N, C-alpha and C. Protein backbone atom coordinates (compact mmCIF):
# COMPACT_ATOMS: atom_id res chain seq x y z
N MET A 1 77.90 -11.64 -25.60
CA MET A 1 77.89 -10.95 -24.34
C MET A 1 78.71 -11.73 -23.32
N ARG A 2 79.16 -11.05 -22.30
CA ARG A 2 79.89 -11.68 -21.21
C ARG A 2 79.13 -11.35 -19.93
N ARG A 3 79.37 -12.15 -18.90
CA ARG A 3 78.76 -11.79 -17.64
C ARG A 3 79.81 -11.81 -16.55
N LEU A 4 79.61 -10.94 -15.62
CA LEU A 4 80.50 -10.87 -14.49
C LEU A 4 80.33 -12.14 -13.67
N LEU A 5 81.42 -12.80 -13.36
CA LEU A 5 81.33 -14.04 -12.61
C LEU A 5 81.62 -13.80 -11.14
N LYS A 6 82.79 -13.40 -10.82
CA LYS A 6 83.17 -13.22 -9.43
C LYS A 6 84.09 -12.02 -9.33
N VAL A 7 84.06 -11.39 -8.19
CA VAL A 7 84.94 -10.26 -7.93
C VAL A 7 85.74 -10.59 -6.68
N ILE A 8 87.02 -10.34 -6.75
CA ILE A 8 87.89 -10.51 -5.59
C ILE A 8 88.42 -9.13 -5.24
N VAL A 9 88.33 -8.77 -3.99
CA VAL A 9 88.92 -7.52 -3.55
C VAL A 9 90.08 -7.90 -2.63
N LEU A 10 91.27 -7.50 -3.01
CA LEU A 10 92.44 -7.81 -2.22
C LEU A 10 92.78 -6.62 -1.34
N VAL A 11 92.62 -6.79 -0.06
CA VAL A 11 92.93 -5.75 0.90
C VAL A 11 93.76 -6.41 1.99
N ALA A 12 94.94 -5.94 2.18
CA ALA A 12 95.84 -6.50 3.18
C ALA A 12 95.97 -8.02 3.00
N GLY A 13 95.95 -8.47 1.74
CA GLY A 13 96.15 -9.87 1.44
C GLY A 13 94.95 -10.77 1.66
N LEU A 14 93.81 -10.23 2.03
CA LEU A 14 92.63 -11.04 2.27
C LEU A 14 91.76 -11.07 1.03
N GLN A 15 91.14 -12.20 0.76
CA GLN A 15 90.25 -12.32 -0.38
C GLN A 15 88.81 -12.30 0.09
N ALA A 16 87.99 -11.53 -0.62
CA ALA A 16 86.57 -11.45 -0.28
C ALA A 16 85.81 -12.67 -0.76
N CYS A 17 86.28 -13.31 -1.81
CA CYS A 17 85.62 -14.51 -2.31
C CYS A 17 86.58 -15.29 -3.19
N THR A 18 86.18 -16.46 -3.62
CA THR A 18 87.04 -17.29 -4.45
C THR A 18 86.84 -16.97 -5.93
N LEU A 19 87.69 -17.52 -6.74
CA LEU A 19 87.68 -17.23 -8.16
C LEU A 19 87.57 -18.51 -8.96
N THR A 20 86.72 -18.49 -9.96
CA THR A 20 86.62 -19.59 -10.91
C THR A 20 87.13 -19.08 -12.25
N GLU A 21 88.10 -19.75 -12.82
CA GLU A 21 88.66 -19.28 -14.09
C GLU A 21 88.04 -19.98 -15.28
N ASN A 22 87.79 -19.21 -16.31
CA ASN A 22 87.37 -19.73 -17.60
C ASN A 22 88.21 -19.00 -18.64
N SER A 23 88.37 -19.58 -19.79
CA SER A 23 89.22 -18.98 -20.81
C SER A 23 88.42 -18.05 -21.72
N ILE A 24 88.88 -16.82 -21.81
CA ILE A 24 88.32 -15.82 -22.71
C ILE A 24 89.50 -15.21 -23.44
N SER A 25 89.37 -14.91 -24.72
CA SER A 25 90.49 -14.38 -25.48
C SER A 25 90.90 -12.99 -24.97
N ALA A 26 92.16 -12.64 -25.21
CA ALA A 26 92.68 -11.35 -24.75
C ALA A 26 91.89 -10.20 -25.36
N ALA A 27 91.50 -10.33 -26.63
CA ALA A 27 90.72 -9.28 -27.28
C ALA A 27 89.37 -9.10 -26.58
N ASP A 28 88.75 -10.22 -26.23
CA ASP A 28 87.48 -10.14 -25.51
C ASP A 28 87.67 -9.48 -24.16
N THR A 29 88.75 -9.84 -23.47
CA THR A 29 89.01 -9.27 -22.15
C THR A 29 89.21 -7.77 -22.25
N GLU A 30 89.93 -7.30 -23.26
CA GLU A 30 90.12 -5.85 -23.46
C GLU A 30 88.78 -5.14 -23.59
N ALA A 31 87.83 -5.78 -24.26
CA ALA A 31 86.50 -5.19 -24.45
C ALA A 31 85.73 -5.11 -23.13
N LEU A 32 86.17 -5.86 -22.13
CA LEU A 32 85.49 -5.86 -20.84
C LEU A 32 86.00 -4.79 -19.89
N LEU A 33 87.07 -4.09 -20.27
CA LEU A 33 87.62 -3.05 -19.40
C LEU A 33 86.59 -2.00 -19.00
N PRO A 34 85.76 -1.50 -19.94
CA PRO A 34 84.75 -0.51 -19.53
C PRO A 34 83.76 -1.05 -18.51
N ILE A 35 83.42 -2.33 -18.60
CA ILE A 35 82.50 -2.93 -17.63
C ILE A 35 83.15 -2.94 -16.25
N ALA A 36 84.43 -3.29 -16.19
CA ALA A 36 85.15 -3.28 -14.92
C ALA A 36 85.19 -1.87 -14.34
N GLU A 37 85.44 -0.87 -15.19
CA GLU A 37 85.48 0.52 -14.72
C GLU A 37 84.12 0.94 -14.16
N PHE A 38 83.04 0.52 -14.82
CA PHE A 38 81.69 0.84 -14.31
C PHE A 38 81.47 0.20 -12.95
N LEU A 39 81.96 -1.03 -12.77
CA LEU A 39 81.79 -1.70 -11.48
C LEU A 39 82.51 -0.92 -10.37
N ILE A 40 83.69 -0.41 -10.67
CA ILE A 40 84.42 0.40 -9.69
C ILE A 40 83.63 1.68 -9.38
N ASP A 41 83.07 2.29 -10.42
CA ASP A 41 82.20 3.47 -10.19
C ASP A 41 81.05 3.12 -9.26
N ASP A 42 80.44 1.96 -9.50
CA ASP A 42 79.30 1.53 -8.68
C ASP A 42 79.73 1.30 -7.23
N PHE A 43 80.88 0.69 -7.03
CA PHE A 43 81.36 0.44 -5.67
C PHE A 43 81.60 1.75 -4.93
N TYR A 44 82.36 2.66 -5.54
CA TYR A 44 82.72 3.91 -4.86
C TYR A 44 81.63 4.98 -4.90
N SER A 45 80.47 4.65 -5.47
CA SER A 45 79.32 5.54 -5.35
C SER A 45 78.77 5.47 -3.92
N PHE A 46 79.11 4.39 -3.21
CA PHE A 46 78.61 4.10 -1.86
C PHE A 46 77.09 3.99 -1.83
N ASP A 47 76.53 3.62 -2.96
CA ASP A 47 75.10 3.37 -3.10
C ASP A 47 74.92 1.86 -3.20
N SER A 48 74.46 1.24 -2.12
CA SER A 48 74.37 -0.22 -2.09
C SER A 48 73.37 -0.78 -3.10
N VAL A 49 72.32 -0.04 -3.38
CA VAL A 49 71.33 -0.51 -4.36
C VAL A 49 71.97 -0.55 -5.75
N ARG A 50 72.71 0.48 -6.07
CA ARG A 50 73.40 0.55 -7.36
C ARG A 50 74.41 -0.60 -7.51
N LEU A 51 75.19 -0.86 -6.45
CA LEU A 51 76.16 -1.95 -6.51
C LEU A 51 75.47 -3.30 -6.61
N GLU A 52 74.41 -3.48 -5.85
CA GLU A 52 73.68 -4.75 -5.89
C GLU A 52 73.13 -5.02 -7.29
N GLN A 53 72.64 -3.98 -7.95
CA GLN A 53 72.13 -4.15 -9.32
C GLN A 53 73.26 -4.52 -10.27
N ALA A 54 74.43 -3.91 -10.08
CA ALA A 54 75.57 -4.21 -10.94
C ALA A 54 76.03 -5.65 -10.77
N LEU A 55 75.81 -6.20 -9.58
CA LEU A 55 76.25 -7.57 -9.28
C LEU A 55 75.13 -8.59 -9.41
N ALA A 56 74.09 -8.25 -10.14
CA ALA A 56 72.92 -9.13 -10.27
C ALA A 56 73.29 -10.52 -10.76
N ARG A 57 74.32 -10.66 -11.59
CA ARG A 57 74.72 -11.97 -12.11
C ARG A 57 75.97 -12.50 -11.44
N ALA A 58 76.37 -11.91 -10.33
CA ALA A 58 77.56 -12.34 -9.62
C ALA A 58 77.19 -12.64 -8.17
N GLU A 59 76.29 -13.61 -8.00
CA GLU A 59 75.72 -13.91 -6.68
C GLU A 59 76.78 -14.19 -5.61
N ASP A 60 77.82 -14.94 -5.94
CA ASP A 60 78.83 -15.29 -4.94
C ASP A 60 79.63 -14.07 -4.47
N SER A 61 79.66 -13.03 -5.27
CA SER A 61 80.43 -11.84 -4.93
C SER A 61 79.58 -10.77 -4.27
N LYS A 62 78.28 -10.87 -4.41
CA LYS A 62 77.38 -9.80 -3.95
C LYS A 62 77.52 -9.52 -2.46
N GLU A 63 77.34 -10.52 -1.63
CA GLU A 63 77.35 -10.30 -0.18
C GLU A 63 78.68 -9.72 0.33
N PRO A 64 79.84 -10.33 -0.04
CA PRO A 64 81.09 -9.75 0.48
C PRO A 64 81.37 -8.35 -0.05
N LEU A 65 80.99 -8.07 -1.30
CA LEU A 65 81.25 -6.73 -1.83
C LEU A 65 80.32 -5.68 -1.22
N LEU A 66 79.07 -6.03 -0.99
CA LEU A 66 78.17 -5.10 -0.33
C LEU A 66 78.64 -4.83 1.10
N TYR A 67 79.11 -5.86 1.79
CA TYR A 67 79.65 -5.69 3.13
C TYR A 67 80.86 -4.75 3.10
N TYR A 68 81.78 -5.03 2.17
CA TYR A 68 82.99 -4.21 2.08
C TYR A 68 82.65 -2.77 1.69
N GLN A 69 81.66 -2.60 0.82
CA GLN A 69 81.24 -1.25 0.46
C GLN A 69 80.74 -0.50 1.70
N GLY A 70 79.97 -1.18 2.54
CA GLY A 70 79.50 -0.58 3.79
C GLY A 70 80.64 -0.19 4.71
N TRP A 71 81.64 -1.07 4.79
CA TRP A 71 82.84 -0.78 5.58
C TRP A 71 83.54 0.46 5.03
N ALA A 72 83.72 0.51 3.72
CA ALA A 72 84.40 1.64 3.09
C ALA A 72 83.62 2.95 3.30
N LYS A 73 82.31 2.87 3.18
CA LYS A 73 81.48 4.05 3.40
C LYS A 73 81.59 4.52 4.85
N GLY A 74 81.50 3.59 5.78
CA GLY A 74 81.59 3.92 7.20
C GLY A 74 82.95 4.47 7.59
N GLY A 75 83.99 4.03 6.90
CA GLY A 75 85.34 4.51 7.18
C GLY A 75 85.70 5.76 6.41
N ASN A 76 84.72 6.32 5.69
CA ASN A 76 84.92 7.53 4.89
C ASN A 76 86.07 7.39 3.89
N TYR A 77 86.03 6.25 3.17
CA TYR A 77 87.05 6.04 2.14
C TYR A 77 87.03 7.19 1.15
N GLU A 78 88.21 7.64 0.82
CA GLU A 78 88.37 8.69 -0.19
C GLU A 78 89.43 8.22 -1.17
N ILE A 79 89.11 8.26 -2.44
CA ILE A 79 90.07 7.81 -3.46
C ILE A 79 91.20 8.82 -3.55
N VAL A 80 92.42 8.32 -3.45
CA VAL A 80 93.62 9.13 -3.58
C VAL A 80 94.15 9.02 -5.01
N GLU A 81 94.16 7.79 -5.52
CA GLU A 81 94.62 7.55 -6.90
C GLU A 81 93.84 6.37 -7.47
N ARG A 82 93.24 6.60 -8.60
CA ARG A 82 92.51 5.54 -9.29
C ARG A 82 93.19 5.29 -10.62
N LYS A 83 93.86 4.15 -10.70
CA LYS A 83 94.48 3.78 -11.96
C LYS A 83 93.44 3.08 -12.82
N HIS A 84 93.64 3.11 -14.12
CA HIS A 84 92.73 2.42 -15.02
C HIS A 84 92.83 0.92 -14.80
N CYS A 85 91.74 0.25 -15.00
CA CYS A 85 91.74 -1.21 -14.93
C CYS A 85 92.60 -1.75 -16.07
N ALA A 86 93.21 -2.90 -15.83
CA ALA A 86 94.08 -3.51 -16.83
C ALA A 86 93.84 -5.02 -16.87
N VAL A 87 94.05 -5.59 -18.04
CA VAL A 87 93.92 -7.03 -18.21
C VAL A 87 95.06 -7.71 -17.45
N LYS A 88 94.70 -8.64 -16.58
CA LYS A 88 95.71 -9.38 -15.80
C LYS A 88 95.97 -10.74 -16.43
N SER A 89 94.91 -11.40 -16.90
CA SER A 89 95.05 -12.69 -17.58
C SER A 89 93.86 -12.85 -18.51
N SER A 90 93.70 -14.03 -19.06
CA SER A 90 92.72 -14.24 -20.12
C SER A 90 91.30 -13.85 -19.77
N ASN A 91 90.91 -13.93 -18.51
CA ASN A 91 89.55 -13.56 -18.15
C ASN A 91 89.49 -12.69 -16.90
N ILE A 92 90.62 -12.11 -16.50
CA ILE A 92 90.67 -11.33 -15.27
C ILE A 92 91.14 -9.91 -15.56
N VAL A 93 90.39 -8.96 -15.01
CA VAL A 93 90.73 -7.54 -15.10
C VAL A 93 91.06 -7.08 -13.69
N SER A 94 92.16 -6.36 -13.53
CA SER A 94 92.61 -5.88 -12.23
C SER A 94 92.48 -4.36 -12.17
N CYS A 95 91.92 -3.87 -11.05
CA CYS A 95 91.66 -2.44 -10.88
C CYS A 95 92.21 -1.97 -9.54
N PRO A 96 93.41 -1.36 -9.51
CA PRO A 96 93.96 -0.88 -8.25
C PRO A 96 93.49 0.55 -7.92
N ILE A 97 93.08 0.73 -6.67
CA ILE A 97 92.57 2.02 -6.20
C ILE A 97 93.25 2.34 -4.87
N ALA A 98 94.03 3.43 -4.82
CA ALA A 98 94.63 3.86 -3.55
C ALA A 98 93.62 4.74 -2.82
N VAL A 99 93.42 4.45 -1.53
CA VAL A 99 92.44 5.19 -0.74
C VAL A 99 93.02 5.61 0.60
N LYS A 100 92.38 6.60 1.19
CA LYS A 100 92.65 6.93 2.59
C LYS A 100 91.32 6.87 3.32
N ASP A 101 91.39 6.65 4.64
CA ASP A 101 90.16 6.50 5.42
C ASP A 101 90.38 7.00 6.84
N ASP A 102 89.32 7.01 7.63
CA ASP A 102 89.39 7.51 9.00
C ASP A 102 90.41 6.75 9.87
N PRO A 103 90.43 5.40 9.82
CA PRO A 103 91.43 4.70 10.64
C PRO A 103 92.87 5.12 10.31
N MET A 104 93.16 5.35 9.05
CA MET A 104 94.50 5.79 8.67
C MET A 104 94.81 7.15 9.27
N LEU A 105 93.83 8.05 9.23
CA LEU A 105 94.02 9.38 9.81
C LEU A 105 94.21 9.28 11.32
N ALA A 106 93.41 8.45 11.97
CA ALA A 106 93.50 8.29 13.43
C ALA A 106 94.85 7.70 13.85
N LEU A 107 95.37 6.78 13.03
CA LEU A 107 96.65 6.15 13.35
C LEU A 107 97.85 6.95 12.83
N ALA A 108 97.58 8.01 12.08
CA ALA A 108 98.61 8.88 11.51
C ALA A 108 99.63 8.09 10.69
N VAL A 109 99.15 7.12 9.91
CA VAL A 109 100.05 6.37 9.04
C VAL A 109 100.44 7.23 7.84
N ASP A 110 101.63 6.98 7.32
CA ASP A 110 102.13 7.81 6.22
C ASP A 110 102.10 7.08 4.88
N PHE A 111 101.11 6.23 4.70
CA PHE A 111 100.94 5.52 3.43
C PHE A 111 99.46 5.37 3.15
N PHE A 112 99.15 5.03 1.92
CA PHE A 112 97.76 4.82 1.54
C PHE A 112 97.50 3.33 1.36
N VAL A 113 96.27 2.93 1.57
CA VAL A 113 95.85 1.54 1.37
C VAL A 113 95.45 1.40 -0.09
N THR A 114 95.81 0.27 -0.70
CA THR A 114 95.39 0.01 -2.07
C THR A 114 94.38 -1.13 -2.08
N ASP A 115 93.18 -0.84 -2.57
CA ASP A 115 92.18 -1.86 -2.84
C ASP A 115 92.44 -2.33 -4.26
N THR A 116 92.60 -3.61 -4.45
CA THR A 116 92.76 -4.14 -5.80
C THR A 116 91.56 -5.03 -6.10
N PHE A 117 90.74 -4.58 -7.02
CA PHE A 117 89.57 -5.35 -7.44
C PHE A 117 90.03 -6.23 -8.60
N GLU A 118 89.85 -7.53 -8.46
CA GLU A 118 90.15 -8.45 -9.55
C GLU A 118 88.83 -9.04 -9.99
N ILE A 119 88.47 -8.78 -11.22
CA ILE A 119 87.16 -9.12 -11.75
C ILE A 119 87.33 -10.19 -12.81
N ALA A 120 86.68 -11.33 -12.58
CA ALA A 120 86.76 -12.44 -13.53
C ALA A 120 85.46 -12.51 -14.32
N PHE A 121 85.57 -12.78 -15.60
CA PHE A 121 84.42 -12.86 -16.49
C PHE A 121 84.32 -14.26 -17.07
N GLU A 122 83.09 -14.65 -17.42
CA GLU A 122 82.89 -15.92 -18.11
C GLU A 122 81.94 -15.69 -19.27
N GLU A 123 81.94 -16.63 -20.20
CA GLU A 123 81.02 -16.56 -21.33
C GLU A 123 79.59 -16.61 -20.82
N GLY A 124 78.67 -15.94 -21.50
CA GLY A 124 77.28 -16.01 -21.10
C GLY A 124 76.56 -14.71 -21.33
N GLU A 125 75.30 -14.72 -21.05
CA GLU A 125 74.47 -13.54 -21.23
C GLU A 125 74.67 -12.60 -20.05
N SER A 126 74.57 -11.31 -20.31
CA SER A 126 74.79 -10.33 -19.25
C SER A 126 73.65 -9.35 -19.18
N ASP A 127 73.31 -8.95 -17.95
CA ASP A 127 72.37 -7.85 -17.80
C ASP A 127 73.06 -6.68 -17.11
N PHE A 128 74.38 -6.76 -16.98
CA PHE A 128 75.15 -5.68 -16.37
C PHE A 128 75.26 -4.53 -17.34
N ARG A 129 74.86 -3.36 -16.91
CA ARG A 129 74.88 -2.20 -17.80
C ARG A 129 75.82 -1.10 -17.31
N GLY A 130 76.21 -1.10 -16.05
CA GLY A 130 77.04 -0.04 -15.52
C GLY A 130 76.32 1.29 -15.55
N ASN A 131 76.68 2.17 -14.64
CA ASN A 131 76.02 3.49 -14.58
C ASN A 131 77.02 4.58 -14.82
């Protein structure tokens, strides 16, 4: 089993938390793609209890991601394009999501914001099940 270690959300170049790298084989990382997809589902459900449960083993990422989820919910984030998560390196999965929100509409900008979730995994036991 693997466990979710840390999640980084890159928005306008800002990092929600730091990353600790551990080595996991590429084959193992490919097997983690569905877990990353479930985490994205949990985030964009805008259900904080569901996201908190998904992050039960990722304590350092929990607070910033729950905060960001609240921000996204309050800004009426709407997914414009959700690309599949992809392996970025030996233990990191990257998930880009293009969104639009109320501030973009108010400012009449002609582009979409991309949230890029970078999810790092480490060896260990997991209780993450995804919904």
